[in-house]
């Protein structure tokens, strides 16, 4: 998606081989009009998939997921990173490890907000190792529903996430695919570029 690529070129900052700073318009200060355009693109891309709910993981995916749900005219569900006291144990849960932050959390979904007949679209801001998306897929599978697609704003194609998700049988659409990052360097891949094998973040940091 050229719109997102151009915005990353203009306002994004590559801080190293794995870190892209986009907090001025995506995950700290949020450009609502821009998010509306991204959500409209996701909705157009997945409009023939029979989506009944849009899922995201708190918190950076909420803005694009909400706009996507608006254009698909379906509810948006936020997967929590901890159990709320008001959920009363009626939850699906799975442990997710963040390689970037070096932490783990319990990804939580209230059972009342998903049905076995649902066709779910998962929206997230970044795809690197795919751990968060795989965690979400486990919750959706446990409920009996179908994960019909995964929409990503920014894919770090040099890491293993996309291959991991596609090997698991999931369809991934990324609005911007980054083939290489380095300090001051951001290189994009075409949307239809072959899936890379990917490397672990630790391997990148060790180089």
C-alpha atoms as a PDB file:
ATOM      1  CA  UNK A   1       0.000   0.000   0.000  1.00  0.00           C
ATOM      2  CA  UNK A   2       1.779   3.070  -1.266  1.00  0.00           C
ATOM      3  CA  UNK A   3      -0.014   5.392   1.163  1.00  0.00           C
ATOM      4  CA  UNK A   4       1.523   3.673   4.187  1.00  0.00           C
ATOM      5  CA  UNK A   5       4.932   3.300   2.560  1.00  0.00           C
ATOM      6  CA  UNK A   6       5.053   7.016   1.787  1.00  0.00           C
ATOM      7  CA  UNK A   7       4.038   7.906   5.344  1.00  0.00           C
ATOM      8  CA  UNK A   8       6.743   5.624   6.765  1.00  0.00           C
ATOM      9  CA  UNK A   9       9.309   7.268   4.478  1.00  0.00           C
ATOM     10  CA  UNK A  10       8.165  10.698   5.639  1.00  0.00           C
ATOM     11  CA  UNK A  11       7.662  10.180   9.385  1.00  0.00           C
ATOM     12  CA  UNK A  12       9.130   6.786  10.290  1.00  0.00           C
ATOM     13  CA  UNK A  13      12.609   6.395  11.756  1.00  0.00           C
ATOM     14  CA  UNK A  14      14.764   3.274  11.493  1.00  0.00           C
ATOM     15  CA  UNK A  15      16.775   3.019  14.707  1.00  0.00           C
ATOM     16  CA  UNK A  16      18.592  -0.222  13.892  1.00  0.00           C
ATOM     17  CA  UNK A  17      18.256  -3.600  12.183  1.00  0.00           C
ATOM     18  CA  UNK A  18      14.951  -4.460  13.902  1.00  0.00           C
ATOM     19  CA  UNK A  19      13.478  -1.222  15.284  1.00  0.00           C
ATOM     20  CA  UNK A  20      11.201   1.069  13.274  1.00  0.00           C
ATOM     21  CA  UNK A  21       9.803   4.085  15.118  1.00  0.00           C
ATOM     22  CA  UNK A  22       6.315   5.082  13.926  1.00  0.00           C
ATOM     23  CA  UNK A  23       4.954   6.512  17.155  1.00  0.00           C
ATOM     24  CA  UNK A  24       4.175   9.912  15.612  1.00  0.00           C
ATOM     25  CA  UNK A  25       1.238   8.515  13.608  1.00  0.00           C
ATOM     26  CA  UNK A  26       0.479   4.875  14.589  1.00  0.00           C
ATOM     27  CA  UNK A  27       1.193   3.778  18.147  1.00  0.00           C
ATOM     28  CA  UNK A  28       1.578   6.831  20.380  1.00  0.00           C
ATOM     29  CA  UNK A  29       0.157   9.827  18.564  1.00  0.00           C
ATOM     30  CA  UNK A  30      -2.523   8.478  16.221  1.00  0.00           C
ATOM     31  CA  UNK A  31      -3.517  10.122  12.942  1.00  0.00           C
ATOM     32  CA  UNK A  32      -7.252   9.366  12.835  1.00  0.00           C
ATOM     33  CA  UNK A  33      -7.778  10.283   9.180  1.00  0.00           C
ATOM     34  CA  UNK A  34      -4.831   8.117   8.184  1.00  0.00           C
ATOM     35  CA  UNK A  35      -6.162   5.210  10.273  1.00  0.00           C
ATOM     36  CA  UNK A  36      -9.507   5.606   8.542  1.00  0.00           C
ATOM     37  CA  UNK A  37      -7.785   5.167   5.156  1.00  0.00           C
ATOM     38  CA  UNK A  38      -5.904   2.074   6.367  1.00  0.00           C
ATOM     39  CA  UNK A  39      -9.082   0.552   7.769  1.00  0.00           C
ATOM     40  CA  UNK A  40     -10.912   1.186   4.500  1.00  0.00           C
ATOM     41  CA  UNK A  41      -8.122  -0.591   2.602  1.00  0.00           C
ATOM     42  CA  UNK A  42      -8.285  -3.623   4.905  1.00  0.00           C
ATOM     43  CA  UNK A  43     -12.076  -3.757   4.580  1.00  0.00           C
ATOM     44  CA  UNK A  44     -11.869  -3.593   0.787  1.00  0.00           C
ATOM     45  CA  UNK A  45      -9.233  -6.334   0.711  1.00  0.00           C
ATOM     46  CA  UNK A  46     -11.201  -8.750   2.931  1.00  0.00           C
ATOM     47  CA  UNK A  47     -14.760  -7.805   1.879  1.00  0.00           C
ATOM     48  CA  UNK A  48     -15.407 -11.154   0.176  1.00  0.00           C
ATOM     49  CA  UNK A  49     -14.346 -13.298   3.132  1.00  0.00           C
ATOM     50  CA  UNK A  50     -17.609 -13.196   5.075  1.00  0.00           C
ATOM     51  CA  UNK A  51     -15.966 -11.559   8.095  1.00  0.00           C
ATOM     52  CA  UNK A  52     -18.269 -11.370  11.137  1.00  0.00           C
ATOM     53  CA  UNK A  53     -15.808  -9.903  13.676  1.00  0.00           C
ATOM     54  CA  UNK A  54     -12.545  -7.985  13.681  1.00  0.00           C
ATOM     55  CA  UNK A  55     -10.071  -8.906  16.415  1.00  0.00           C
ATOM     56  CA  UNK A  56      -6.994  -7.062  17.604  1.00  0.00           C
ATOM     57  CA  UNK A  57      -4.535  -7.237  20.494  1.00  0.00           C
ATOM     58  CA  UNK A  58      -4.273  -4.308  22.870  1.00  0.00           C
ATOM     59  CA  UNK A  59      -3.207  -1.702  22.361  1.00  0.00           C
ATOM     60  CA  UNK A  60      -1.512  -0.452  19.159  1.00  0.00           C
ATOM     61  CA  UNK A  61      -3.791  -2.416  16.827  1.00  0.00           C
ATOM     62  CA  UNK A  62      -6.982  -0.883  18.198  1.00  0.00           C
ATOM     63  CA  UNK A  63      -7.141   2.182  15.929  1.00  0.00           C
ATOM     64  CA  UNK A  64      -6.761   0.391  12.564  1.00  0.00           C
ATOM     65  CA  UNK A  65      -8.934  -2.513  13.740  1.00  0.00           C
ATOM     66  CA  UNK A  66     -11.748  -0.156  14.740  1.00  0.00           C
ATOM     67  CA  UNK A  67     -11.700   1.571  11.364  1.00  0.00           C
ATOM     68  CA  UNK A  68     -11.663  -1.802   9.586  1.00  0.00           C
ATOM     69  CA  UNK A  69     -14.653  -2.974  11.632  1.00  0.00           C
ATOM     70  CA  UNK A  70     -16.452   0.283  10.801  1.00  0.00           C
ATOM     71  CA  UNK A  71     -16.151  -0.311   7.053  1.00  0.00           C
ATOM     72  CA  UNK A  72     -17.032  -4.015   7.332  1.00  0.00           C
ATOM     73  CA  UNK A  73     -19.959  -3.095   9.632  1.00  0.00           C
ATOM     74  CA  UNK A  74     -19.038  -5.734  12.215  1.00  0.00           C
ATOM     75  CA  UNK A  75     -18.000  -5.618  15.905  1.00  0.00           C
ATOM     76  CA  UNK A  76     -14.376  -5.194  16.983  1.00  0.00           C
ATOM     77  CA  UNK A  77     -13.043  -7.371  19.813  1.00  0.00           C
ATOM     78  CA  UNK A  78      -9.921  -6.450  21.796  1.00  0.00           C
ATOM     79  CA  UNK A  79      -7.851  -9.367  23.077  1.00  0.00           C
ATOM     80  CA  UNK A  80      -6.538  -8.477  26.527  1.00  0.00           C
ATOM     81  CA  UNK A  81      -2.993  -8.996  27.739  1.00  0.00           C
ATOM     82  CA  UNK A  82      -4.174  -9.787  31.254  1.00  0.00           C
ATOM     83  CA  UNK A  83      -7.293 -11.191  32.875  1.00  0.00           C
ATOM     84  CA  UNK A  84      -9.904  -8.676  33.966  1.00  0.00           C
ATOM     85  CA  UNK A  85     -11.564  -9.267  37.339  1.00  0.00           C
ATOM     86  CA  UNK A  86     -14.993  -8.821  35.741  1.00  0.00           C
ATOM     87  CA  UNK A  87     -14.632 -11.739  33.290  1.00  0.00           C
ATOM     88  CA  UNK A  88     -15.491 -14.320  35.998  1.00  0.00           C
ATOM     89  CA  UNK A  89     -13.358 -17.102  34.565  1.00  0.00           C
ATOM     90  CA  UNK A  90     -15.336 -17.466  31.317  1.00  0.00           C
ATOM     91  CA  UNK A  91     -12.294 -16.931  29.140  1.00  0.00           C
ATOM     92  CA  UNK A  92      -9.991 -18.497  26.587  1.00  0.00           C
ATOM     93  CA  UNK A  93      -6.346 -17.897  27.448  1.00  0.00           C
ATOM     94  CA  UNK A  94      -2.914 -18.622  26.027  1.00  0.00           C
ATOM     95  CA  UNK A  95       0.585 -17.511  26.973  1.00  0.00           C
ATOM     96  CA  UNK A  96       2.408 -15.253  24.507  1.00  0.00           C
ATOM     97  CA  UNK A  97       6.090 -14.310  24.650  1.00  0.00           C
ATOM     98  CA  UNK A  98       7.197 -10.964  23.268  1.00  0.00           C
ATOM     99  CA  UNK A  99      10.694 -11.361  21.800  1.00  0.00           C
ATOM    100  CA  UNK A 100      10.985  -7.586  21.403  1.00  0.00           C
ATOM    101  CA  UNK A 101      10.187  -6.791  25.034  1.00  0.00           C
ATOM    102  CA  UNK A 102      11.510 -10.002  26.573  1.00  0.00           C
ATOM    103  CA  UNK A 103       8.271 -10.533  28.490  1.00  0.00           C
ATOM    104  CA  UNK A 104       5.343 -12.958  28.528  1.00  0.00           C
ATOM    105  CA  UNK A 105       1.645 -12.350  29.091  1.00  0.00           C
ATOM    106  CA  UNK A 106      -1.664 -14.205  29.137  1.00  0.00           C
ATOM    107  CA  UNK A 107      -3.648 -13.321  26.024  1.00  0.00           C
ATOM    108  CA  UNK A 108      -7.293 -13.378  27.063  1.00  0.00           C
ATOM    109  CA  UNK A 109     -10.619 -13.553  25.218  1.00  0.00           C
ATOM    110  CA  UNK A 110     -14.015 -13.470  26.961  1.00  0.00           C
ATOM    111  CA  UNK A 111     -16.030 -16.443  25.714  1.00  0.00           C
ATOM    112  CA  UNK A 112     -19.199 -14.397  25.218  1.00  0.00           C
ATOM    113  CA  UNK A 113     -17.556 -12.366  22.440  1.00  0.00           C
ATOM    114  CA  UNK A 114     -16.910 -15.209  20.009  1.00  0.00           C
ATOM    115  CA  UNK A 115     -19.080 -17.925  18.523  1.00  0.00           C
ATOM    116  CA  UNK A 116     -18.120 -21.107  16.614  1.00  0.00           C
ATOM    117  CA  UNK A 117     -19.872 -19.659  13.548  1.00  0.00           C
ATOM    118  CA  UNK A 118     -17.673 -16.532  13.492  1.00  0.00           C
ATOM    119  CA  UNK A 119     -15.245 -15.737  10.679  1.00  0.00           C
ATOM    120  CA  UNK A 120     -12.572 -13.567  12.279  1.00  0.00           C
ATOM    121  CA  UNK A 121     -10.213 -11.009  10.741  1.00  0.00           C
ATOM    122  CA  UNK A 122      -7.194 -10.274  12.938  1.00  0.00           C
ATOM    123  CA  UNK A 123      -5.653  -6.785  12.578  1.00  0.00           C
ATOM    124  CA  UNK A 124      -2.318  -5.785  14.127  1.00  0.00           C
ATOM    125  CA  UNK A 125       0.201  -3.003  13.677  1.00  0.00           C
ATOM    126  CA  UNK A 126       3.439  -5.039  13.341  1.00  0.00           C
ATOM    127  CA  UNK A 127       4.393  -8.543  12.248  1.00  0.00           C
ATOM    128  CA  UNK A 128       7.884  -9.751  13.194  1.00  0.00           C
ATOM    129  CA  UNK A 129       8.156 -13.241  14.688  1.00  0.00           C
ATOM    130  CA  UNK A 130       4.396 -13.866  14.594  1.00  0.00           C
ATOM    131  CA  UNK A 131       4.095 -14.839  18.239  1.00  0.00           C
ATOM    132  CA  UNK A 132       1.152 -12.536  19.027  1.00  0.00           C
ATOM    133  CA  UNK A 133      -0.796 -13.558  15.922  1.00  0.00           C
ATOM    134  CA  UNK A 134      -0.184 -17.245  16.639  1.00  0.00           C
ATOM    135  CA  UNK A 135      -1.441 -16.690  20.184  1.00  0.00           C
ATOM    136  CA  UNK A 136      -4.612 -15.071  18.857  1.00  0.00           C
ATOM    137  CA  UNK A 137      -5.069 -17.940  16.415  1.00  0.00           C
ATOM    138  CA  UNK A 138      -4.952 -20.443  19.289  1.00  0.00           C
ATOM    139  CA  UNK A 139      -7.771 -18.645  21.104  1.00  0.00           C
ATOM    140  CA  UNK A 140      -9.896 -18.465  17.965  1.00  0.00           C
ATOM    141  CA  UNK A 141      -9.302 -22.153  17.218  1.00  0.00           C
ATOM    142  CA  UNK A 142     -10.185 -23.128  20.801  1.00  0.00           C
ATOM    143  CA  UNK A 143     -13.526 -21.344  20.451  1.00  0.00           C
ATOM    144  CA  UNK A 144     -14.362 -23.279  17.287  1.00  0.00           C
ATOM    145  CA  UNK A 145     -14.428 -20.128  15.144  1.00  0.00           C
ATOM    146  CA  UNK A 146     -12.386 -19.549  11.970  1.00  0.00           C
ATOM    147  CA  UNK A 147      -9.470 -17.174  11.519  1.00  0.00           C
ATOM    148  CA  UNK A 148     -10.265 -16.096   7.967  1.00  0.00           C
ATOM    149  CA  UNK A 149      -7.464 -13.583   7.488  1.00  0.00           C
ATOM    150  CA  UNK A 150      -4.715 -11.547   9.099  1.00  0.00           C
ATOM    151  CA  UNK A 151      -4.193  -7.878   8.241  1.00  0.00           C
ATOM    152  CA  UNK A 152      -0.897  -6.239   9.178  1.00  0.00           C
ATOM    153  CA  UNK A 153       0.108  -2.605   8.865  1.00  0.00           C
ATOM    154  CA  UNK A 154       3.880  -3.134   8.851  1.00  0.00           C
ATOM    155  CA  UNK A 155       5.525  -6.489   8.177  1.00  0.00           C
ATOM    156  CA  UNK A 156       9.198  -6.996   8.939  1.00  0.00           C
ATOM    157  CA  UNK A 157       9.682  -9.439   6.085  1.00  0.00           C
ATOM    158  CA  UNK A 158      13.253 -10.220   7.114  1.00  0.00           C
ATOM    159  CA  UNK A 159      11.902 -11.967  10.212  1.00  0.00           C
ATOM    160  CA  UNK A 160      10.053 -15.262  10.354  1.00  0.00           C
ATOM    161  CA  UNK A 161       6.503 -14.167  11.232  1.00  0.00           C
ATOM    162  CA  UNK A 162       4.853 -14.245   7.817  1.00  0.00           C
ATOM    163  CA  UNK A 163       6.297 -17.647   6.910  1.00  0.00           C
ATOM    164  CA  UNK A 164       5.247 -19.014  10.286  1.00  0.00           C
ATOM    165  CA  UNK A 165       1.650 -17.846   9.810  1.00  0.00           C
ATOM    166  CA  UNK A 166       1.412 -19.013   6.201  1.00  0.00           C
ATOM    167  CA  UNK A 167       2.913 -22.389   7.103  1.00  0.00           C
ATOM    168  CA  UNK A 168       0.113 -22.676   9.687  1.00  0.00           C
ATOM    169  CA  UNK A 169      -2.417 -22.134   6.883  1.00  0.00           C
ATOM    170  CA  UNK A 170      -3.357 -18.494   7.456  1.00  0.00           C
ATOM    171  CA  UNK A 171      -3.754 -15.819   4.782  1.00  0.00           C
ATOM    172  CA  UNK A 172      -1.714 -12.674   5.495  1.00  0.00           C
ATOM    173  CA  UNK A 173      -2.145  -9.266   3.863  1.00  0.00           C
ATOM    174  CA  UNK A 174       0.410  -6.616   4.843  1.00  0.00           C
ATOM    175  CA  UNK A 175       0.009  -2.983   3.817  1.00  0.00           C
ATOM    176  CA  UNK A 176       3.772  -2.345   3.997  1.00  0.00           C
ATOM    177  CA  UNK A 177       6.462  -5.028   3.735  1.00  0.00           C
ATOM    178  CA  UNK A 178       9.942  -4.073   4.886  1.00  0.00           C
ATOM    179  CA  UNK A 179      12.800  -6.083   3.430  1.00  0.00           C
ATOM    180  CA  UNK A 180      15.624  -4.394   5.323  1.00  0.00           C
ATOM    181  CA  UNK A 181      16.080  -2.022   8.219  1.00  0.00           C
ATOM    182  CA  UNK A 182      19.236  -0.353   9.445  1.00  0.00           C
ATOM    183  CA  UNK A 183      19.985   2.940  11.108  1.00  0.00           C
ATOM    184  CA  UNK A 184      18.507   5.529   8.745  1.00  0.00           C
ATOM    185  CA  UNK A 185      17.634   2.839   6.145  1.00  0.00           C
ATOM    186  CA  UNK A 186      14.142   1.541   5.284  1.00  0.00           C
ATOM    187  CA  UNK A 187      13.762  -0.727   2.228  1.00  0.00           C
ATOM    188  CA  UNK A 188      10.360  -1.991   1.093  1.00  0.00           C
ATOM    189  CA  UNK A 189       9.332  -5.162  -0.724  1.00  0.00           C
ATOM    190  CA  UNK A 190       6.485  -5.354  -3.252  1.00  0.00           C
ATOM    191  CA  UNK A 191       3.237  -6.783  -1.887  1.00  0.00           C
ATOM    192  CA  UNK A 192       3.649  -9.920  -4.026  1.00  0.00           C
ATOM    193  CA  UNK A 193       7.333 -10.514  -3.188  1.00  0.00           C
ATOM    194  CA  UNK A 194       8.168 -14.119  -2.228  1.00  0.00           C
ATOM    195  CA  UNK A 195       8.014 -14.987   1.452  1.00  0.00           C
ATOM    196  CA  UNK A 196      11.466 -14.842   2.994  1.00  0.00           C
ATOM    197  CA  UNK A 197      12.743 -17.565   5.274  1.00  0.00           C
ATOM    198  CA  UNK A 198      13.322 -14.965   7.984  1.00  0.00           C
ATOM    199  CA  UNK A 199      15.780 -14.897  10.846  1.00  0.00           C
ATOM    200  CA  UNK A 200      15.367 -14.584  14.582  1.00  0.00           C
ATOM    201  CA  UNK A 201      15.663 -11.144  16.139  1.00  0.00           C
ATOM    202  CA  UNK A 202      18.563 -12.381  18.283  1.00  0.00           C
ATOM    203  CA  UNK A 203      20.465 -13.347  15.132  1.00  0.00           C
ATOM    204  CA  UNK A 204      19.948  -9.864  13.721  1.00  0.00           C
ATOM    205  CA  UNK A 205      21.143  -8.235  16.915  1.00  0.00           C
ATOM    206  CA  UNK A 206      24.218 -10.477  17.029  1.00  0.00           C
ATOM    207  CA  UNK A 207      25.348  -9.411  13.542  1.00  0.00           C
END
